[in-house]
N, C-alpha and C. Protein backbone atom coordinates (compact mmCIF):
# COMPACT_ATOMS: atom_id res chain seq x y z
N MET A 1 0.26 -3.73 10.63
CA MET A 1 -0.96 -3.22 10.37
C MET A 1 -2.21 -4.07 10.27
N GLU A 2 -1.61 -5.46 10.65
CA GLU A 2 -2.54 -6.44 10.52
C GLU A 2 -3.25 -6.50 12.11
N TYR A 3 -2.39 -6.01 12.79
CA TYR A 3 -2.87 -6.15 14.44
C TYR A 3 -3.34 -4.95 14.52
N ILE A 4 -3.52 -3.77 13.98
CA ILE A 4 -4.40 -2.79 14.49
C ILE A 4 -5.19 -3.32 13.57
N TYR A 5 -5.82 -3.98 12.45
CA TYR A 5 -6.95 -4.09 11.70
C TYR A 5 -7.76 -5.17 12.37
N ALA A 6 -6.83 -6.26 12.96
CA ALA A 6 -7.77 -7.10 14.07
C ALA A 6 -8.67 -6.36 15.23
N SER A 7 -7.64 -5.52 15.97
CA SER A 7 -7.98 -4.48 16.77
C SER A 7 -9.73 -3.96 16.74
N LEU A 8 -9.42 -2.82 15.49
CA LEU A 8 -10.56 -2.28 14.71
C LEU A 8 -11.72 -3.41 14.49
N LEU A 9 -11.66 -4.27 13.95
CA LEU A 9 -12.54 -5.39 13.58
C LEU A 9 -13.24 -5.79 15.09
N LEU A 10 -12.39 -5.78 16.19
CA LEU A 10 -13.19 -6.65 17.41
C LEU A 10 -13.67 -5.29 17.71
N LYS A 11 -13.53 -4.09 17.91
CA LYS A 11 -14.18 -2.98 18.19
C LYS A 11 -15.33 -2.78 17.35
N THR A 12 -15.66 -2.97 16.11
CA THR A 12 -16.55 -3.05 15.33
C THR A 12 -17.46 -4.01 15.67
N ALA A 13 -16.77 -5.36 16.17
CA ALA A 13 -17.83 -6.03 16.58
C ALA A 13 -18.73 -6.12 17.89
N GLY A 14 -17.85 -5.35 18.75
CA GLY A 14 -18.41 -5.25 20.24
C GLY A 14 -17.65 -5.90 20.83
N LYS A 15 -16.22 -6.61 20.48
CA LYS A 15 -15.64 -7.63 21.29
C LYS A 15 -14.86 -6.89 22.22
N GLU A 16 -14.26 -7.51 23.02
CA GLU A 16 -13.41 -6.80 23.99
C GLU A 16 -12.03 -7.21 23.45
N ILE A 17 -11.07 -6.08 22.98
CA ILE A 17 -9.83 -6.12 22.46
C ILE A 17 -8.75 -6.59 23.79
N ASN A 18 -8.84 -8.16 23.62
CA ASN A 18 -7.66 -8.49 24.69
C ASN A 18 -6.63 -9.37 23.76
N GLU A 19 -5.44 -9.91 24.68
CA GLU A 19 -4.70 -10.83 23.70
C GLU A 19 -5.18 -12.30 23.23
N GLU A 20 -6.46 -12.70 23.77
CA GLU A 20 -7.04 -13.71 23.14
C GLU A 20 -7.60 -13.81 22.03
N ASN A 21 -8.45 -12.76 21.88
CA ASN A 21 -9.37 -12.38 21.06
C ASN A 21 -8.42 -11.54 19.61
N VAL A 22 -7.54 -10.72 20.14
CA VAL A 22 -6.66 -10.31 18.65
C VAL A 22 -5.49 -11.71 18.36
N LYS A 23 -5.36 -12.57 19.11
CA LYS A 23 -4.83 -13.90 18.45
C LYS A 23 -5.92 -14.54 17.44
N LYS A 24 -6.80 -14.36 17.87
CA LYS A 24 -7.35 -15.35 17.36
C LYS A 24 -8.32 -14.74 16.38
N VAL A 25 -8.24 -13.84 15.68
CA VAL A 25 -8.52 -12.99 15.02
C VAL A 25 -7.32 -13.19 14.05
N LEU A 26 -6.44 -12.72 14.49
CA LEU A 26 -5.06 -12.86 13.44
C LEU A 26 -4.82 -14.54 12.92
N GLN A 27 -5.05 -15.44 13.76
CA GLN A 27 -4.90 -16.83 13.19
C GLN A 27 -5.82 -17.37 12.64
N ALA A 28 -7.21 -16.78 12.47
CA ALA A 28 -8.42 -17.09 11.72
C ALA A 28 -7.99 -16.23 10.08
N ALA A 29 -7.00 -15.27 10.20
CA ALA A 29 -6.74 -14.52 8.84
C ALA A 29 -5.55 -15.21 8.16
N GLY A 30 -4.73 -16.22 8.80
CA GLY A 30 -3.56 -16.59 8.80
C GLY A 30 -2.65 -15.81 9.07
N VAL A 31 -2.26 -15.21 9.67
CA VAL A 31 -0.87 -14.36 9.75
C VAL A 31 -0.58 -15.21 11.26
N GLU A 32 0.74 -14.97 10.65
CA GLU A 32 1.97 -15.78 12.17
C GLU A 32 1.66 -14.57 13.30
N VAL A 33 1.54 -15.33 14.44
CA VAL A 33 1.18 -14.17 15.54
C VAL A 33 2.50 -13.87 16.30
N ASP A 34 2.72 -12.76 16.41
CA ASP A 34 4.12 -12.62 17.20
C ASP A 34 3.22 -12.21 18.92
N GLU A 35 3.82 -13.02 19.93
CA GLU A 35 3.08 -12.79 21.24
C GLU A 35 3.42 -11.36 22.19
N VAL A 36 4.76 -10.50 21.54
CA VAL A 36 4.72 -9.64 21.86
C VAL A 36 4.30 -8.38 21.16
N ARG A 37 4.15 -8.41 20.08
CA ARG A 37 3.44 -7.45 19.39
C ARG A 37 2.29 -6.97 19.82
N VAL A 38 1.42 -8.62 20.14
CA VAL A 38 0.25 -8.68 20.75
C VAL A 38 0.26 -7.79 21.99
N LYS A 39 0.75 -8.22 22.74
CA LYS A 39 0.52 -7.35 23.71
C LYS A 39 1.40 -5.93 23.95
N ALA A 40 1.85 -5.79 23.51
CA ALA A 40 2.34 -4.38 23.13
C ALA A 40 1.24 -3.69 22.41
N LEU A 41 0.40 -4.25 21.47
CA LEU A 41 -1.13 -3.56 21.16
C LEU A 41 -2.02 -3.41 22.16
N VAL A 42 -2.29 -4.51 22.98
CA VAL A 42 -3.08 -4.48 23.93
C VAL A 42 -2.99 -3.46 24.92
N ALA A 43 -1.51 -3.30 25.38
CA ALA A 43 -1.35 -2.52 26.40
C ALA A 43 -1.12 -1.03 25.88
N ALA A 44 -1.12 -0.84 24.38
CA ALA A 44 -1.37 0.57 24.04
C ALA A 44 -2.46 1.05 23.77
N LEU A 45 -3.31 0.35 23.80
CA LEU A 45 -4.62 0.33 23.28
C LEU A 45 -5.75 0.64 24.54
N LYS A 46 -5.29 0.15 25.77
CA LYS A 46 -5.66 0.26 26.75
C LYS A 46 -5.78 2.00 26.99
N GLN A 47 -4.79 2.46 26.83
CA GLN A 47 -4.70 4.33 27.06
C GLN A 47 -5.61 5.02 26.33
N VAL A 48 -5.88 4.15 24.92
CA VAL A 48 -6.63 5.02 23.95
C VAL A 48 -7.89 5.00 23.52
N ASP A 49 -8.82 6.09 23.44
CA ASP A 49 -10.50 5.96 23.49
C ASP A 49 -10.55 5.57 21.87
N ILE A 50 -10.19 4.44 21.36
CA ILE A 50 -10.90 4.22 19.93
C ILE A 50 -11.86 4.94 19.22
N ASP A 51 -13.08 5.05 19.82
CA ASP A 51 -13.88 6.10 19.66
C ASP A 51 -13.82 7.19 19.08
N LYS A 52 -13.12 8.03 20.10
CA LYS A 52 -12.49 9.22 19.72
C LYS A 52 -11.36 9.48 18.72
N VAL A 53 -10.68 8.60 18.25
CA VAL A 53 -9.70 8.54 17.29
C VAL A 53 -10.45 8.55 16.33
N LEU A 54 -11.30 7.51 16.39
CA LEU A 54 -12.47 6.72 14.69
C LEU A 54 -12.85 8.08 14.48
N GLU A 55 -13.11 8.63 15.39
CA GLU A 55 -14.28 9.95 15.00
C GLU A 55 -13.62 11.22 14.46
N SER A 56 -12.28 11.36 15.36
CA SER A 56 -11.51 12.50 14.80
C SER A 56 -10.78 12.16 13.12
N ALA A 57 -10.66 10.95 12.98
CA ALA A 57 -10.02 10.32 11.75
C ALA A 57 -11.04 11.04 10.89
N THR A 58 -12.08 10.35 10.75
CA THR A 58 -13.29 10.90 9.98
C THR A 58 -13.77 12.59 9.66
N ALA A 59 -13.55 12.92 10.59
CA ALA A 59 -13.89 14.15 10.79
C ALA A 59 -12.83 15.15 9.86
N MET A 60 -11.84 14.81 9.79
CA MET A 60 -10.91 15.67 9.09
C MET A 60 -11.17 16.12 7.79
N PRO A 61 -11.34 17.24 7.40
CA PRO A 61 -11.28 17.52 6.28
C PRO A 61 -10.41 17.76 5.16
N MET A 62 -10.92 16.84 4.12
CA MET A 62 -9.88 16.45 3.37
C MET A 62 -9.99 17.68 2.27
N ALA A 63 -8.98 18.21 1.90
CA ALA A 63 -8.88 19.29 0.56
C ALA A 63 -8.77 18.57 -0.56
N PRO A 64 -9.92 19.62 -1.13
CA PRO A 64 -9.96 18.96 -2.49
C PRO A 64 -8.90 19.16 -3.73
N ALA A 65 -8.36 17.92 -4.55
CA ALA A 65 -7.25 18.24 -5.39
C ALA A 65 -7.52 19.51 -6.35
N THR A 66 -6.67 20.39 -6.72
CA THR A 66 -7.10 21.30 -7.31
C THR A 66 -6.09 21.19 -8.35
N ALA A 67 -6.40 21.93 -9.64
CA ALA A 67 -6.08 21.78 -11.09
C ALA A 67 -4.92 22.17 -11.29
N PRO A 68 -3.75 21.60 -11.53
CA PRO A 68 -2.69 22.07 -11.76
C PRO A 68 -2.23 22.82 -12.53
N ALA A 69 -1.56 23.99 -12.88
CA ALA A 69 -1.09 24.98 -13.83
C ALA A 69 -0.59 24.57 -14.99
N ALA A 70 -0.90 25.35 -16.10
CA ALA A 70 -0.38 24.96 -17.21
C ALA A 70 1.03 24.49 -17.61
N ALA A 71 1.87 24.47 -16.84
CA ALA A 71 3.14 24.44 -16.98
C ALA A 71 3.23 22.67 -16.36
N PRO A 72 2.70 22.32 -15.69
CA PRO A 72 2.82 20.99 -15.44
C PRO A 72 2.21 19.93 -16.28
N ALA A 73 1.36 20.41 -17.30
CA ALA A 73 0.44 20.09 -18.24
C ALA A 73 1.75 19.74 -19.59
N GLU A 74 2.26 20.78 -19.73
CA GLU A 74 3.01 20.78 -20.86
C GLU A 74 4.35 19.68 -20.51
N GLU A 75 4.53 19.66 -19.36
CA GLU A 75 5.82 18.64 -18.97
C GLU A 75 5.27 17.38 -18.96
N LYS A 76 3.92 17.37 -18.68
CA LYS A 76 3.31 15.80 -18.88
C LYS A 76 3.34 15.44 -20.71
N LYS A 77 2.81 16.28 -21.45
CA LYS A 77 2.83 16.50 -23.05
C LYS A 77 4.41 15.67 -23.61
N GLU A 78 5.12 16.62 -22.34
CA GLU A 78 6.75 16.42 -23.31
C GLU A 78 7.18 14.81 -22.55
N GLU A 79 7.29 14.51 -21.22
CA GLU A 79 7.19 13.38 -20.70
C GLU A 79 6.70 11.94 -21.65
N GLU A 80 5.40 11.93 -22.35
CA GLU A 80 4.85 11.48 -23.07
C GLU A 80 5.06 10.72 -24.01
N LYS A 81 5.80 12.22 -25.08
CA LYS A 81 6.62 12.32 -26.27
C LYS A 81 7.85 11.40 -26.00
N LYS A 82 8.68 11.57 -24.89
CA LYS A 82 9.90 10.92 -25.00
C LYS A 82 9.56 9.49 -24.65
N GLU A 83 8.64 9.24 -23.97
CA GLU A 83 8.13 7.84 -23.67
C GLU A 83 7.89 6.89 -25.20
N GLU A 84 6.91 8.02 -25.86
CA GLU A 84 6.89 7.55 -27.13
C GLU A 84 7.91 7.28 -28.02
N GLU A 85 8.95 7.96 -28.11
CA GLU A 85 10.37 7.75 -28.43
C GLU A 85 10.89 6.53 -28.10
N GLU A 86 11.00 6.65 -26.92
CA GLU A 86 11.58 5.32 -26.27
C GLU A 86 11.27 4.08 -26.56
N GLU A 87 9.82 4.23 -26.79
CA GLU A 87 8.92 2.61 -27.33
C GLU A 87 9.52 2.41 -28.71
N GLU A 88 9.64 3.37 -29.48
CA GLU A 88 10.07 3.56 -31.03
C GLU A 88 11.31 2.73 -31.00
N GLU A 89 12.01 3.16 -30.37
CA GLU A 89 13.43 2.85 -30.31
C GLU A 89 13.56 1.06 -30.17
N LYS A 90 12.64 1.00 -29.24
CA LYS A 90 12.75 -0.67 -28.87
C LYS A 90 12.05 -1.30 -29.74
N GLU A 91 11.27 -0.81 -30.48
CA GLU A 91 10.22 -1.55 -31.60
C GLU A 91 11.27 -1.79 -32.51
N GLU A 92 12.24 -0.59 -33.13
CA GLU A 92 13.33 -0.98 -33.90
C GLU A 92 14.53 -1.61 -34.18
N LEU A 93 14.72 -2.66 -33.31
CA LEU A 93 15.15 -3.95 -32.80
C LEU A 93 15.02 -5.11 -34.30
N THR A 94 15.99 -5.38 -34.60
CA THR A 94 15.82 -5.79 -36.25
C THR A 94 15.47 -7.64 -35.68
N GLU A 95 15.55 -8.56 -36.13
CA GLU A 95 15.51 -10.04 -35.86
C GLU A 95 17.06 -10.94 -35.82
N GLU A 96 17.91 -9.73 -36.71
CA GLU A 96 19.18 -9.81 -36.47
C GLU A 96 19.84 -9.68 -35.05
N ASP A 97 19.30 -8.51 -34.57
CA ASP A 97 19.95 -7.82 -33.14
C ASP A 97 19.17 -9.08 -32.21
N LEU A 98 18.06 -9.41 -32.19
CA LEU A 98 17.61 -10.50 -31.50
C LEU A 98 18.14 -11.70 -31.09
N SER A 99 18.70 -12.23 -32.37
CA SER A 99 19.33 -13.15 -32.50
C SER A 99 20.82 -13.07 -32.52
N ALA A 100 21.22 -12.01 -32.67
CA ALA A 100 23.14 -11.94 -31.97
C ALA A 100 23.03 -11.92 -30.83
N GLY A 101 21.92 -11.64 -30.15
CA GLY A 101 22.23 -11.45 -28.62
C GLY A 101 21.55 -12.90 -28.15
N LEU A 102 20.80 -13.64 -28.72
CA LEU A 102 20.59 -15.08 -28.29
C LEU A 102 22.13 -15.92 -28.41
N GLY A 103 22.34 -15.58 -29.91
CA GLY A 103 23.69 -16.25 -30.19
C GLY A 103 24.86 -16.16 -28.75
N ALA A 104 24.72 -15.09 -28.30
CA ALA A 104 26.14 -14.76 -27.05
C ALA A 104 25.61 -15.37 -26.02
N LEU A 105 24.44 -15.45 -26.02
CA LEU A 105 23.88 -16.16 -24.70
C LEU A 105 24.32 -17.49 -24.56
N PHE A 106 23.93 -18.67 -25.85
CA PHE A 106 24.31 -20.08 -26.16
C PHE A 106 25.61 -20.25 -27.07
N GLY A 107 26.12 -19.26 -27.28
CA GLY A 107 27.70 -19.50 -28.04
C GLY A 107 27.68 -19.86 -29.10
């Protein structure tokens, strides 16, 4: 992912996306540079119009999140009740239970 970010940073800065520049960005970010990955990235991006890809990525419509039906809301309440019951069970541990557990550890 860092390699893609480096290429996007270079594109945004108006710099040429080549092996040397990608390596510089990655090294500045403290990333250990893999020469093979850098070469593969630069070769792959030579065939891609980055402006067109970015335009199509940002132009994709995002579907608004619809409100779930009532049934999932009821399930959520049931899950919350179960979680509360589990928490109560955990709180019911006494000091004797805890000390017995520690005694088993230390003999």
